[in-house]
């Protein structure tokens, strides 16, 4: 079995969130699109909260501080969805009701 070795760590330079997709523009010129419903916190967020993101480090991850959501670019490329449990998401949703 062979193991994939990356020539360079993938890094984001810009992010857009639409009603149905997360669009990540990588520094190497590629664009990545993943379904928004892979990340429930972003699904339940307001448009304003979705637009308030920042890159971590040199773009290795994307953070939405208002939502306590962090998504690694490498995970997006690997097709990893959110691993948050139903219980954790439920607690987070209840904390948003005020």
Protein backbone atom coordinates (compact mmCIF):
# COMPACT_ATOMS: atom_id res chain seq x y z
CA UNK A 1 0.00 0.00 0.00
CA UNK A 2 1.31 3.44 -0.87
CA UNK A 3 0.91 6.51 1.26
CA UNK A 4 0.22 9.89 -0.25
CA UNK A 5 2.90 12.41 0.62
CA UNK A 6 2.00 16.04 0.08
CA UNK A 7 4.60 18.24 -1.57
CA UNK A 8 3.32 21.19 0.43
CA UNK A 9 0.77 21.57 3.17
CA UNK A 10 -2.54 22.81 1.72
CA UNK A 11 -3.39 26.33 2.75
CA UNK A 12 -6.38 28.60 2.29
CA UNK A 13 -6.16 32.23 1.27
CA UNK A 14 -9.85 33.11 1.12
CA UNK A 15 -13.19 31.63 2.13
CA UNK A 16 -16.76 32.20 1.01
CA UNK A 17 -19.82 30.66 2.59
CA UNK A 18 -23.05 30.52 0.59
CA UNK A 19 -26.41 29.09 1.61
CA UNK A 20 -25.28 25.65 0.48
CA UNK A 21 -21.49 25.55 0.12
CA UNK A 22 -18.20 26.44 1.71
CA UNK A 23 -15.84 27.68 -1.00
CA UNK A 24 -12.17 27.64 -0.07
CA UNK A 25 -9.64 29.31 -2.34
CA UNK A 26 -6.23 27.69 -1.84
CA UNK A 27 -2.90 29.46 -2.17
CA UNK A 28 -1.88 27.10 -4.99
CA UNK A 29 -4.73 28.35 -7.18
CA UNK A 30 -7.23 25.55 -6.59
CA UNK A 31 -10.77 26.17 -5.39
CA UNK A 32 -12.48 23.68 -3.13
CA UNK A 33 -16.23 23.44 -2.63
CA UNK A 34 -17.81 21.36 0.12
CA UNK A 35 -21.46 21.04 1.17
CA UNK A 36 -22.41 23.36 4.00
CA UNK A 37 -24.45 20.59 5.63
CA UNK A 38 -21.21 18.76 6.46
CA UNK A 39 -20.78 21.35 9.22
CA UNK A 40 -23.95 21.74 11.32
CA UNK A 41 -22.76 24.78 13.26
CA UNK A 42 -22.39 26.67 10.00
CA UNK A 43 -25.81 25.46 8.85
CA UNK A 44 -27.39 26.92 12.02
CA UNK A 45 -25.39 30.15 11.88
CA UNK A 46 -26.59 33.48 10.61
CA UNK A 47 -25.14 34.90 7.41
CA UNK A 48 -23.26 37.44 9.52
CA UNK A 49 -21.73 34.70 11.69
CA UNK A 50 -20.75 32.70 8.61
CA UNK A 51 -18.97 35.71 7.14
CA UNK A 52 -16.92 36.27 10.32
CA UNK A 53 -14.10 33.81 9.73
CA UNK A 54 -10.34 33.99 10.00
CA UNK A 55 -7.44 31.89 8.82
CA UNK A 56 -5.27 30.17 11.39
CA UNK A 57 -1.51 30.09 10.97
CA UNK A 58 -0.52 30.28 7.33
CA UNK A 59 -4.01 29.18 6.26
CA UNK A 60 -3.86 25.58 7.51
CA UNK A 61 -7.32 25.98 9.09
CA UNK A 62 -10.38 28.22 9.07
CA UNK A 63 -11.95 29.43 12.31
CA UNK A 64 -15.36 30.92 12.98
CA UNK A 65 -14.78 32.35 16.47
CA UNK A 66 -18.43 33.27 17.08
CA UNK A 67 -19.42 29.65 16.43
CA UNK A 68 -16.45 27.90 18.07
CA UNK A 69 -15.90 26.11 14.75
CA UNK A 70 -12.48 25.24 13.35
CA UNK A 71 -12.01 23.34 10.10
CA UNK A 72 -8.65 22.15 8.84
CA UNK A 73 -7.94 22.56 5.13
CA UNK A 74 -6.31 19.14 4.96
CA UNK A 75 -9.51 17.61 6.37
CA UNK A 76 -11.61 19.39 3.76
CA UNK A 77 -9.39 18.00 1.00
CA UNK A 78 -9.68 14.53 2.53
CA UNK A 79 -13.49 14.79 2.54
CA UNK A 80 -13.87 14.77 6.33
CA UNK A 81 -17.17 16.00 7.67
CA UNK A 82 -17.73 17.47 11.10
CA UNK A 83 -17.19 14.87 13.79
CA UNK A 84 -19.34 16.70 16.33
CA UNK A 85 -21.74 14.43 18.21
CA UNK A 86 -25.49 15.03 18.31
CA UNK A 87 -25.23 15.69 22.06
CA UNK A 88 -22.54 18.34 21.60
CA UNK A 89 -24.44 20.03 18.79
CA UNK A 90 -27.61 19.97 20.90
CA UNK A 91 -25.84 21.66 23.83
CA UNK A 92 -24.41 24.27 21.49
CA UNK A 93 -27.82 24.95 19.90
CA UNK A 94 -29.44 25.30 23.34
CA UNK A 95 -26.72 27.79 24.37
CA UNK A 96 -27.68 29.98 21.40
CA UNK A 97 -31.31 30.36 22.51
CA UNK A 98 -31.61 33.53 24.56
